[in-house]
Amino acid sequence: MKIAILSNGPGNYSTKRLREVAKARGHTVRIIKYKECYASIEQNNPVVSYRGEDLSSYDAMVPRIASYMTRYGTAIVRQMEMQGVWTISSSIAITRSRDKLRSTQLLARAGVGIPKTVFSRNSTDIDDLLEKLGGTPVIIKLARGTHGNGVVLAESKKAAKSVLQAFYLTNEDGTNVLLQEFVKESAGTDIRAFVVGSRVVASMRRQSLDDDFRSNLHKGGAGTAIKLTDEERKMCVKAARAMNLTVAGVDFMRSARGPLVLEVNASPGFGIEKNTGRDVATPIIEYIERNAKRRPRKDKVGA
């Protein structure tokens, strides 16, 4: 099988692991720097080119799109889908997962447990907003933040109002700012479950090493292997399906009322391999082998 890995480059650990496993299993693999791709758009003839090569000949692609390149990266993925190249993560699923408001709405609709969340365009409604969340402290986050960036803990009503006003000044669309309840029992701790298809292939507990309420590894958190309950495993698979993702990193916290999903990541890092000793690259390639050739070529995708 001919597989394209859309990535920022071969130096990325996840890219290296995918390439290593795919080649070991007899596949032809090429790493495509999607930032260098360009698309030709004309009636009934979608084309994506990379260094002079038409990419329509690939059997499958694995998009590893950076959050800051979501718009351009997903446009390239969408164009390749229009060419008939099978993808393990669709362009629309990636786009949905990168919007925290949209993904939270989809998770809630699917019946997945989430923290209480509100959004509003008007910061003068702060009293009512905080009342709906049970008061302060409260988490305020930008809808398109990543790696723990754009997330603030406001410990008082005054602080919450100041943060909201600052965020609204830098965002024309106020719905890009969400307020979520602060779950005290899980402060500084969460769990990352790596989902492939219909199963969790690895899971780790992430713990902040200082007083930061965020546990992201990018913020200096430490990860250790953890065993999930059956309920948690089912919830993680359900959350990934709600986003229409077959490969996903599902972040959740254990609360007094059960597991609550925080985020579903469309391009989860492979650092979980180092922290758990579990192989996540092989299940991904195996999933491609089972599914890539089952879908007809030249299928159309929604805009």
C-alpha atoms as a PDB file:
ATOM      1  CA  MET A   1       0.000   0.000   0.000  1.00  0.00           C
ATOM      2  CA  LYS A   2       1.140   3.528  -0.754  1.00  0.00           C
ATOM      3  CA  ILE A   3       0.713   5.762   2.306  1.00  0.00           C
ATOM      4  CA  ALA A   4       1.202   9.527   2.618  1.00  0.00           C
ATOM      5  CA  ILE A   5       1.890  11.018   6.049  1.00  0.00           C
ATOM      6  CA  LEU A   6       0.960  14.706   6.061  1.00  0.00           C
ATOM      7  CA  SER A   7       3.320  16.261   8.582  1.00  0.00           C
ATOM      8  CA  ASN A   8       5.583  19.206   9.322  1.00  0.00           C
ATOM      9  CA  GLY A   9       8.575  16.988   8.596  1.00  0.00           C
ATOM     10  CA  PRO A  10      10.376  13.686   9.280  1.00  0.00           C
ATOM     11  CA  GLY A  11      11.855  14.905  12.584  1.00  0.00           C
ATOM     12  CA  ASN A  12       8.545  14.670  14.437  1.00  0.00           C
ATOM     13  CA  TYR A  13       8.466  11.615  16.739  1.00  0.00           C
ATOM     14  CA  SER A  14       4.953  10.523  15.740  1.00  0.00           C
ATOM     15  CA  THR A  15       5.843  10.849  12.059  1.00  0.00           C
ATOM     16  CA  LYS A  16       8.992   8.768  12.515  1.00  0.00           C
ATOM     17  CA  ARG A  17       7.074   6.041  14.353  1.00  0.00           C
ATOM     18  CA  LEU A  18       4.324   5.830  11.739  1.00  0.00           C
ATOM     19  CA  ARG A  19       6.866   5.680   8.932  1.00  0.00           C
ATOM     20  CA  GLU A  20       8.934   3.068  10.764  1.00  0.00           C
ATOM     21  CA  VAL A  21       5.982   0.750  11.402  1.00  0.00           C
ATOM     22  CA  ALA A  22       4.445   1.167   7.936  1.00  0.00           C
ATOM     23  CA  LYS A  23       7.743   0.386   6.181  1.00  0.00           C
ATOM     24  CA  ALA A  24       8.340  -2.621   8.448  1.00  0.00           C
ATOM     25  CA  ARG A  25       4.937  -3.951   7.383  1.00  0.00           C
ATOM     26  CA  GLY A  26       5.866  -3.658   3.692  1.00  0.00           C
ATOM     27  CA  HIS A  27       4.184  -0.390   2.731  1.00  0.00           C
ATOM     28  CA  THR A  28       5.576   2.430   0.617  1.00  0.00           C
ATOM     29  CA  VAL A  29       5.596   5.588   2.724  1.00  0.00           C
ATOM     30  CA  ARG A  30       6.259   9.222   1.919  1.00  0.00           C
ATOM     31  CA  ILE A  31       6.260  12.128   4.335  1.00  0.00           C
ATOM     32  CA  ILE A  32       4.440  15.079   2.778  1.00  0.00           C
ATOM     33  CA  LYS A  33       5.068  18.564   4.188  1.00  0.00           C
ATOM     34  CA  TYR A  34       1.512  19.746   3.707  1.00  0.00           C
ATOM     35  CA  LYS A  35       2.561  23.399   4.108  1.00  0.00           C
ATOM     36  CA  GLU A  36       4.413  23.016   0.813  1.00  0.00           C
ATOM     37  CA  CYS A  37       1.457  21.437  -1.029  1.00  0.00           C
ATOM     38  CA  TYR A  38      -0.670  23.426  -3.438  1.00  0.00           C
ATOM     39  CA  ALA A  39      -4.095  22.709  -4.881  1.00  0.00           C
ATOM     40  CA  SER A  40      -5.497  23.221  -8.359  1.00  0.00           C
ATOM     41  CA  ILE A  41      -9.257  23.696  -8.293  1.00  0.00           C
ATOM     42  CA  GLU A  42     -11.321  23.270 -11.424  1.00  0.00           C
ATOM     43  CA  GLN A  43     -14.528  21.527 -12.360  1.00  0.00           C
ATOM     44  CA  ASN A  44     -14.350  17.741 -11.887  1.00  0.00           C
ATOM     45  CA  ASN A  45     -10.563  17.826 -11.631  1.00  0.00           C
ATOM     46  CA  PRO A  46      -9.281  18.346  -8.066  1.00  0.00           C
ATOM     47  CA  VAL A  47      -5.489  18.148  -7.865  1.00  0.00           C
ATOM     48  CA  VAL A  48      -3.023  18.388  -4.972  1.00  0.00           C
ATOM     49  CA  SER A  49       0.635  18.704  -5.896  1.00  0.00           C
ATOM     50  CA  TYR A  50       3.797  18.402  -3.830  1.00  0.00           C
ATOM     51  CA  ARG A  51       7.178  19.164  -5.335  1.00  0.00           C
ATOM     52  CA  GLY A  52       5.809  18.484  -8.799  1.00  0.00           C
ATOM     53  CA  GLU A  53       4.038  15.234  -7.897  1.00  0.00           C
ATOM     54  CA  ASP A  54       0.261  14.697  -8.152  1.00  0.00           C
ATOM     55  CA  LEU A  55      -0.752  13.043  -4.856  1.00  0.00           C
ATOM     56  CA  SER A  56      -3.827  11.232  -6.196  1.00  0.00           C
ATOM     57  CA  SER A  57      -1.914   7.950  -6.546  1.00  0.00           C
ATOM     58  CA  TYR A  58      -1.753   7.337  -2.787  1.00  0.00           C
ATOM     59  CA  ASP A  59      -3.987   4.653  -1.272  1.00  0.00           C
ATOM     60  CA  ALA A  60      -4.216   6.306   2.139  1.00  0.00           C
ATOM     61  CA  MET A  61      -3.110   9.355   4.072  1.00  0.00           C
ATOM     62  CA  VAL A  62      -2.468  10.056   7.734  1.00  0.00           C
ATOM     63  CA  PRO A  63      -3.017  13.770   8.458  1.00  0.00           C
ATOM     64  CA  ARG A  64      -0.831  15.112  11.278  1.00  0.00           C
ATOM     65  CA  ILE A  65      -2.019  18.712  11.038  1.00  0.00           C
ATOM     66  CA  ALA A  66      -0.628  21.267  13.519  1.00  0.00           C
ATOM     67  CA  SER A  67      -3.271  23.359  15.280  1.00  0.00           C
ATOM     68  CA  TYR A  68      -1.895  26.652  13.935  1.00  0.00           C
ATOM     69  CA  MET A  69      -2.156  25.248  10.389  1.00  0.00           C
ATOM     70  CA  THR A  70      -5.678  23.847  10.724  1.00  0.00           C
ATOM     71  CA  ARG A  71      -7.319  25.923   7.999  1.00  0.00           C
ATOM     72  CA  TYR A  72      -4.681  25.313   5.327  1.00  0.00           C
ATOM     73  CA  GLY A  73      -3.937  21.751   6.400  1.00  0.00           C
ATOM     74  CA  THR A  74      -7.572  20.662   6.324  1.00  0.00           C
ATOM     75  CA  ALA A  75      -8.036  22.340   2.931  1.00  0.00           C
ATOM     76  CA  ILE A  76      -5.259  20.115   1.576  1.00  0.00           C
ATOM     77  CA  VAL A  77      -6.788  17.039   3.223  1.00  0.00           C
ATOM     78  CA  ARG A  78     -10.204  17.939   1.766  1.00  0.00           C
ATOM     79  CA  GLN A  79      -8.739  18.330  -1.720  1.00  0.00           C
ATOM     80  CA  MET A  80      -7.032  14.931  -1.452  1.00  0.00           C
ATOM     81  CA  GLU A  81     -10.319  13.404  -0.277  1.00  0.00           C
ATOM     82  CA  MET A  82     -11.914  14.834  -3.419  1.00  0.00           C
ATOM     83  CA  GLN A  83      -9.186  13.086  -5.407  1.00  0.00           C
ATOM     84  CA  GLY A  84     -10.302   9.805  -3.842  1.00  0.00           C
ATOM     85  CA  VAL A  85      -7.441   9.311  -1.384  1.00  0.00           C
ATOM     86  CA  TRP A  86      -8.671   7.493   1.749  1.00  0.00           C
ATOM     87  CA  THR A  87      -7.901   9.292   4.987  1.00  0.00           C
ATOM     88  CA  ILE A  88      -7.793   7.989   8.529  1.00  0.00           C
ATOM     89  CA  SER A  89      -9.011  11.408   9.778  1.00  0.00           C
ATOM     90  CA  SER A  90     -11.416  13.390   7.617  1.00  0.00           C
ATOM     91  CA  SER A  91     -10.975  17.109   7.046  1.00  0.00           C
ATOM     92  CA  ILE A  92     -14.328  17.941   8.631  1.00  0.00           C
ATOM     93  CA  ALA A  93     -13.608  15.814  11.726  1.00  0.00           C
ATOM     94  CA  ILE A  94     -10.278  17.594  12.252  1.00  0.00           C
ATOM     95  CA  THR A  95     -11.950  20.988  11.880  1.00  0.00           C
ATOM     96  CA  ARG A  96     -14.709  20.093  14.342  1.00  0.00           C
ATOM     97  CA  SER A  97     -12.313  18.855  16.989  1.00  0.00           C
ATOM     98  CA  ARG A  98     -10.208  22.026  16.818  1.00  0.00           C
ATOM     99  CA  ASP A  99     -13.194  24.205  17.770  1.00  0.00           C
ATOM    100  CA  LYS A 100     -13.771  23.726  21.502  1.00  0.00           C
ATOM    101  CA  LEU A 101     -17.283  25.192  21.388  1.00  0.00           C
ATOM    102  CA  ARG A 102     -18.406  23.055  18.477  1.00  0.00           C
ATOM    103  CA  SER A 103     -16.823  19.900  19.889  1.00  0.00           C
ATOM    104  CA  THR A 104     -18.357  20.513  23.323  1.00  0.00           C
ATOM    105  CA  GLN A 105     -21.786  20.847  21.714  1.00  0.00           C
ATOM    106  CA  LEU A 106     -21.279  17.618  19.745  1.00  0.00           C
ATOM    107  CA  LEU A 107     -20.123  15.726  22.844  1.00  0.00           C
ATOM    108  CA  ALA A 108     -23.121  16.937  24.825  1.00  0.00           C
ATOM    109  CA  ARG A 109     -25.488  15.909  22.026  1.00  0.00           C
ATOM    110  CA  ALA A 110     -23.911  12.441  21.957  1.00  0.00           C
ATOM    111  CA  GLY A 111     -24.509  12.005  25.673  1.00  0.00           C
ATOM    112  CA  VAL A 112     -20.841  12.183  26.684  1.00  0.00           C
ATOM    113  CA  GLY A 113     -20.136  13.546  30.172  1.00  0.00           C
ATOM    114  CA  ILE A 114     -18.540  17.018  30.076  1.00  0.00           C
ATOM    115  CA  PRO A 115     -17.891  19.806  32.600  1.00  0.00           C
ATOM    116  CA  LYS A 116     -20.689  22.379  32.879  1.00  0.00           C
ATOM    117  CA  THR A 117     -19.999  24.913  30.121  1.00  0.00           C
ATOM    118  CA  VAL A 118     -21.477  28.267  29.137  1.00  0.00           C
ATOM    119  CA  PHE A 119     -20.627  30.860  26.522  1.00  0.00           C
ATOM    120  CA  SER A 120     -21.836  34.417  26.046  1.00  0.00           C
ATOM    121  CA  ARG A 121     -21.037  37.468  23.956  1.00  0.00           C
ATOM    122  CA  ASN A 122     -21.651  39.896  26.809  1.00  0.00           C
ATOM    123  CA  SER A 123     -19.305  40.084  29.794  1.00  0.00           C
ATOM    124  CA  THR A 124     -21.917  42.088  31.730  1.00  0.00           C
ATOM    125  CA  ASP A 125     -23.804  38.797  32.242  1.00  0.00           C
ATOM    126  CA  ILE A 126     -20.995  37.527  34.478  1.00  0.00           C
ATOM    127  CA  ASP A 127     -23.163  37.145  37.601  1.00  0.00           C
ATOM    128  CA  ASP A 128     -25.654  34.909  35.835  1.00  0.00           C
ATOM    129  CA  LEU A 129     -22.923  32.976  34.008  1.00  0.00           C
ATOM    130  CA  LEU A 130     -21.063  32.208  37.225  1.00  0.00           C
ATOM    131  CA  GLU A 131     -24.284  31.204  38.958  1.00  0.00           C
ATOM    132  CA  LYS A 132     -24.936  28.608  36.268  1.00  0.00           C
ATOM    133  CA  LEU A 133     -21.457  27.175  36.889  1.00  0.00           C
ATOM    134  CA  GLY A 134     -21.762  27.177  40.655  1.00  0.00           C
ATOM    135  CA  GLY A 135     -19.646  30.262  41.276  1.00  0.00           C
ATOM    136  CA  THR A 136     -15.879  30.759  41.260  1.00  0.00           C
ATOM    137  CA  PRO A 137     -13.256  29.555  40.679  1.00  0.00           C
ATOM    138  CA  VAL A 138     -14.010  29.032  36.990  1.00  0.00           C
ATOM    139  CA  ILE A 139     -12.043  27.999  33.906  1.00  0.00           C
ATOM    140  CA  ILE A 140     -12.060  30.439  30.974  1.00  0.00           C
ATOM    141  CA  LYS A 141     -10.708  29.210  27.659  1.00  0.00           C
ATOM    142  CA  LEU A 142     -10.350  30.256  24.055  1.00  0.00           C
ATOM    143  CA  ALA A 143     -12.212  27.925  21.738  1.00  0.00           C
ATOM    144  CA  ARG A 144      -9.161  27.354  19.549  1.00  0.00           C
ATOM    145  CA  GLY A 145      -6.384  27.121  22.121  1.00  0.00           C
ATOM    146  CA  THR A 146      -4.097  24.088  22.292  1.00  0.00           C
ATOM    147  CA  HIS A 147      -1.496  22.483  24.590  1.00  0.00           C
ATOM    148  CA  GLY A 148      -3.028  24.353  27.522  1.00  0.00           C
ATOM    149  CA  ASN A 149      -2.577  27.768  25.913  1.00  0.00           C
ATOM    150  CA  GLY A 150      -5.526  30.165  26.043  1.00  0.00           C
ATOM    151  CA  VAL A 151      -6.797  28.599  29.285  1.00  0.00           C
ATOM    152  CA  VAL A 152      -7.083  30.672  32.468  1.00  0.00           C
ATOM    153  CA  LEU A 153      -8.233  29.918  36.007  1.00  0.00           C
ATOM    154  CA  ALA A 154     -10.230  32.845  37.414  1.00  0.00           C
ATOM    155  CA  GLU A 155     -10.516  32.538  41.194  1.00  0.00           C
ATOM    156  CA  SER A 156     -12.914  35.442  41.754  1.00  0.00           C
ATOM    157  CA  LYS A 157     -15.794  37.206  40.022  1.00  0.00           C
ATOM    158  CA  LYS A 158     -13.594  40.265  39.471  1.00  0.00           C
ATOM    159  CA  ALA A 159     -10.842  38.172  37.896  1.00  0.00           C
ATOM    160  CA  ALA A 160     -13.344  36.352  35.674  1.00  0.00           C
ATOM    161  CA  LYS A 161     -14.795  39.613  34.396  1.00  0.00           C
ATOM    162  CA  SER A 162     -11.326  41.027  33.663  1.00  0.00           C
ATOM    163  CA  VAL A 163     -10.279  37.900  31.744  1.00  0.00           C
ATOM    164  CA  LEU A 164     -13.515  37.865  29.735  1.00  0.00           C
ATOM    165  CA  GLN A 165     -13.149  41.512  28.786  1.00  0.00           C
ATOM    166  CA  ALA A 166      -9.543  40.938  27.708  1.00  0.00           C
ATOM    167  CA  PHE A 167     -10.482  37.908  25.607  1.00  0.00           C
ATOM    168  CA  TYR A 168     -13.421  39.699  23.970  1.00  0.00           C
ATOM    169  CA  LEU A 169     -11.164  42.594  22.976  1.00  0.00           C
ATOM    170  CA  THR A 170      -8.945  40.197  21.030  1.00  0.00           C
ATOM    171  CA  ASN A 171     -11.781  38.122  19.515  1.00  0.00           C
ATOM    172  CA  GLU A 172     -14.403  39.662  17.275  1.00  0.00           C
ATOM    173  CA  ASP A 173     -16.636  36.658  17.816  1.00  0.00           C
ATOM    174  CA  GLY A 174     -17.303  36.403  21.534  1.00  0.00           C
ATOM    175  CA  THR A 175     -18.535  32.819  21.210  1.00  0.00           C
ATOM    176  CA  ASN A 176     -14.854  31.847  20.891  1.00  0.00           C
ATOM    177  CA  VAL A 177     -14.622  32.164  24.689  1.00  0.00           C
ATOM    178  CA  LEU A 178     -16.003  29.435  26.962  1.00  0.00           C
ATOM    179  CA  LEU A 179     -16.502  29.278  30.712  1.00  0.00           C
ATOM    180  CA  GLN A 180     -16.348  25.900  32.441  1.00  0.00           C
ATOM    181  CA  GLU A 181     -16.815  24.733  35.974  1.00  0.00           C
ATOM    182  CA  PHE A 182     -13.675  24.138  38.014  1.00  0.00           C
ATOM    183  CA  VAL A 183     -13.601  20.510  39.190  1.00  0.00           C
ATOM    184  CA  LYS A 184     -11.594  20.787  42.382  1.00  0.00           C
ATOM    185  CA  GLU A 185     -10.961  17.088  42.900  1.00  0.00           C
ATOM    186  CA  SER A 186      -9.168  16.862  39.535  1.00  0.00           C
ATOM    187  CA  ALA A 187      -7.168  20.108  39.644  1.00  0.00           C
ATOM    188  CA  GLY A 188      -3.767  19.584  38.014  1.00  0.00           C
ATOM    189  CA  THR A 189      -4.631  16.037  36.930  1.00  0.00           C
ATOM    190  CA  ASP A 190      -6.289  14.504  33.902  1.00  0.00           C
ATOM    191  CA  ILE A 191      -6.150  11.349  31.797  1.00  0.00           C
ATOM    192  CA  ARG A 192      -5.230  10.949  28.123  1.00  0.00           C
ATOM    193  CA  ALA A 193      -6.710   7.936  26.362  1.00  0.00           C
ATOM    194  CA  PHE A 194      -5.415   7.088  22.888  1.00  0.00           C
ATOM    195  CA  VAL A 195      -8.253   5.711  20.776  1.00  0.00           C
ATOM    196  CA  VAL A 196      -7.814   3.818  17.499  1.00  0.00           C
ATOM    197  CA  GLY A 197     -10.979   2.556  15.854  1.00  0.00           C
ATOM    198  CA  SER A 198     -13.246   1.129  18.522  1.00  0.00           C
ATOM    199  CA  ARG A 199     -10.705   0.602  21.302  1.00  0.00           C
ATOM    200  CA  VAL A 200      -8.370   2.413  23.670  1.00  0.00           C
ATOM    201  CA  VAL A 201      -4.818   1.278  22.879  1.00  0.00           C
ATOM    202  CA  ALA A 202      -3.014   3.281  25.601  1.00  0.00           C
ATOM    203  CA  SER A 203      -3.852   5.544  28.520  1.00  0.00           C
ATOM    204  CA  MET A 204      -1.891   7.700  30.919  1.00  0.00           C
ATOM    205  CA  ARG A 205      -2.485   9.931  33.905  1.00  0.00           C
ATOM    206  CA  ARG A 206      -1.021  13.426  33.512  1.00  0.00           C
ATOM    207  CA  GLN A 207      -0.062  15.339  36.632  1.00  0.00           C
ATOM    208  CA  SER A 208       1.118  18.937  36.958  1.00  0.00           C
ATOM    209  CA  LEU A 209       4.518  19.155  38.658  1.00  0.00           C
ATOM    210  CA  ASP A 210       3.802  22.536  40.256  1.00  0.00           C
ATOM    211  CA  ASP A 211       0.750  24.546  41.262  1.00  0.00           C
ATOM    212  CA  ASP A 212      -0.498  24.852  37.664  1.00  0.00           C
ATOM    213  CA  PHE A 213      -4.079  23.569  37.302  1.00  0.00           C
ATOM    214  CA  ARG A 214      -3.203  22.392  33.765  1.00  0.00           C
ATOM    215  CA  SER A 215      -1.635  18.962  33.403  1.00  0.00           C
ATOM    216  CA  ASN A 216      -0.572  19.078  29.717  1.00  0.00           C
ATOM    217  CA  LEU A 217       2.826  17.513  29.034  1.00  0.00           C
ATOM    218  CA  HIS A 218       3.628  20.638  26.991  1.00  0.00           C
ATOM    219  CA  LYS A 219       3.256  22.604  30.245  1.00  0.00           C
ATOM    220  CA  GLY A 220       5.695  20.393  32.141  1.00  0.00           C
ATOM    221  CA  GLY A 221       3.256  17.763  33.373  1.00  0.00           C
ATOM    222  CA  ALA A 222       4.359  14.183  34.031  1.00  0.00           C
ATOM    223  CA  GLY A 223       2.654  11.155  32.500  1.00  0.00           C
ATOM    224  CA  THR A 224       2.308   7.657  33.994  1.00  0.00           C
ATOM    225  CA  ALA A 225       0.458   4.586  32.747  1.00  0.00           C
ATOM    226  CA  ILE A 226      -3.014   4.072  34.186  1.00  0.00           C
ATOM    227  CA  LYS A 227      -5.715   1.432  33.808  1.00  0.00           C
ATOM    228  CA  LEU A 228      -9.144   2.682  32.794  1.00  0.00           C
ATOM    229  CA  THR A 229     -12.462   1.348  33.956  1.00  0.00           C
ATOM    230  CA  ASP A 230     -14.853  -0.208  31.449  1.00  0.00           C
ATOM    231  CA  GLU A 231     -17.056   2.879  31.773  1.00  0.00           C
ATOM    232  CA  GLU A 232     -14.129   5.166  30.959  1.00  0.00           C
ATOM    233  CA  ARG A 233     -13.078   3.110  27.945  1.00  0.00           C
ATOM    234  CA  LYS A 234     -16.590   3.133  26.508  1.00  0.00           C
ATOM    235  CA  MET A 235     -16.873   6.875  27.116  1.00  0.00           C
ATOM    236  CA  CYS A 236     -13.582   7.568  25.307  1.00  0.00           C
ATOM    237  CA  VAL A 237     -14.628   5.567  22.249  1.00  0.00           C
ATOM    238  CA  LYS A 238     -18.017   7.300  22.310  1.00  0.00           C
ATOM    239  CA  ALA A 239     -16.315  10.717  22.461  1.00  0.00           C
ATOM    240  CA  ALA A 240     -14.087   9.892  19.478  1.00  0.00           C
ATOM    241  CA  ARG A 241     -17.112   8.697  17.497  1.00  0.00           C
ATOM    242  CA  ALA A 242     -18.987  11.894  18.343  1.00  0.00           C
ATOM    243  CA  MET A 243     -16.181  13.757  16.547  1.00  0.00           C
ATOM    244  CA  ASN A 244     -16.163  11.139  13.748  1.00  0.00           C
ATOM    245  CA  LEU A 245     -12.493  10.455  14.518  1.00  0.00           C
ATOM    246  CA  THR A 246     -10.978   6.983  14.193  1.00  0.00           C
ATOM    247  CA  VAL A 247      -7.704   8.112  15.777  1.00  0.00           C
ATOM    248  CA  ALA A 248      -8.023  10.462  18.731  1.00  0.00           C
ATOM    249  CA  GLY A 249      -6.537  11.531  22.008  1.00  0.00           C
ATOM    250  CA  VAL A 250      -9.406  11.837  24.480  1.00  0.00           C
ATOM    251  CA  ASP A 251      -8.613  13.957  27.528  1.00  0.00           C
ATOM    252  CA  PHE A 252     -10.875  13.538  30.531  1.00  0.00           C
ATOM    253  CA  MET A 253     -10.966  13.976  34.285  1.00  0.00           C
ATOM    254  CA  ARG A 254     -12.330  11.829  37.066  1.00  0.00           C
ATOM    255  CA  SER A 255     -14.917  13.774  39.024  1.00  0.00           C
ATOM    256  CA  ALA A 256     -17.283  13.040  41.885  1.00  0.00           C
ATOM    257  CA  ARG A 257     -20.072  12.496  39.348  1.00  0.00           C
ATOM    258  CA  GLY A 258     -18.036  10.348  36.966  1.00  0.00           C
ATOM    259  CA  PRO A 259     -15.615  10.889  34.044  1.00  0.00           C
ATOM    260  CA  LEU A 260     -15.885  14.214  32.211  1.00  0.00           C
ATOM    261  CA  VAL A 261     -14.355  14.749  28.762  1.00  0.00           C
ATOM    262  CA  LEU A 262     -12.287  17.915  28.374  1.00  0.00           C
ATOM    263  CA  GLU A 263     -11.109  17.635  24.774  1.00  0.00           C
ATOM    264  CA  VAL A 264     -10.804  15.279  21.808  1.00  0.00           C
ATOM    265  CA  ASN A 265      -7.527  15.734  19.933  1.00  0.00           C
ATOM    266  CA  ALA A 266      -7.427  14.846  16.217  1.00  0.00           C
ATOM    267  CA  SER A 267      -3.614  14.600  16.067  1.00  0.00           C
ATOM    268  CA  PRO A 268      -2.583  13.203  19.447  1.00  0.00           C
ATOM    269  CA  GLY A 269       1.138  13.086  20.151  1.00  0.00           C
ATOM    270  CA  PHE A 270       2.914   9.768  20.534  1.00  0.00           C
ATOM    271  CA  GLY A 271       4.654  10.740  23.771  1.00  0.00           C
ATOM    272  CA  ILE A 272       2.197   8.359  25.413  1.00  0.00           C
ATOM    273  CA  GLU A 273       4.354   5.518  24.071  1.00  0.00           C
ATOM    274  CA  LYS A 274       7.297   6.674  26.172  1.00  0.00           C
ATOM    275  CA  ASN A 275       5.167   7.124  29.276  1.00  0.00           C
ATOM    276  CA  THR A 276       3.274   3.840  29.065  1.00  0.00           C
ATOM    277  CA  GLY A 277       5.469   1.482  27.038  1.00  0.00           C
ATOM    278  CA  ARG A 278       2.496   0.853  24.741  1.00  0.00           C
ATOM    279  CA  ASP A 279       2.797   0.875  20.944  1.00  0.00           C
ATOM    280  CA  VAL A 280       0.202   3.188  19.354  1.00  0.00           C
ATOM    281  CA  ALA A 281       1.737   3.427  15.868  1.00  0.00           C
ATOM    282  CA  THR A 282       1.114  -0.226  14.957  1.00  0.00           C
ATOM    283  CA  PRO A 283      -2.654  -0.160  15.696  1.00  0.00           C
ATOM    284  CA  ILE A 284      -2.956   2.895  13.436  1.00  0.00           C
ATOM    285  CA  ILE A 285      -1.231   1.193  10.501  1.00  0.00           C
ATOM    286  CA  GLU A 286      -3.247  -1.972  11.129  1.00  0.00           C
ATOM    287  CA  TYR A 287      -6.448   0.088  11.039  1.00  0.00           C
ATOM    288  CA  ILE A 288      -5.387   1.551   7.672  1.00  0.00           C
ATOM    289  CA  GLU A 289      -4.691  -1.947   6.344  1.00  0.00           C
ATOM    290  CA  ARG A 290      -8.168  -3.133   7.359  1.00  0.00           C
ATOM    291  CA  ASN A 291     -10.092  -0.129   6.074  1.00  0.00           C
ATOM    292  CA  ALA A 292      -8.289   1.828   3.343  1.00  0.00           C
ATOM    293  CA  LYS A 293      -9.097  -0.528   0.493  1.00  0.00           C
ATOM    294  CA  ARG A 294     -12.741  -0.978   1.469  1.00  0.00           C
ATOM    295  CA  ARG A 295     -13.854   2.484   0.419  1.00  0.00           C
ATOM    296  CA  PRO A 296     -14.454   3.289  -3.260  1.00  0.00           C
ATOM    297  CA  ARG A 297     -12.129   5.744  -4.971  1.00  0.00           C
ATOM    298  CA  LYS A 298     -13.294   9.196  -6.056  1.00  0.00           C
ATOM    299  CA  ASP A 299     -15.809   9.530  -3.238  1.00  0.00           C
ATOM    300  CA  LYS A 300     -17.104  13.036  -2.573  1.00  0.00           C
ATOM    301  CA  VAL A 301     -16.850  14.815   0.776  1.00  0.00           C
ATOM    302  CA  GLY A 302     -18.943  17.558   2.325  1.00  0.00           C
ATOM    303  CA  ALA A 303     -17.572  21.078   2.400  1.00  0.00           C
END
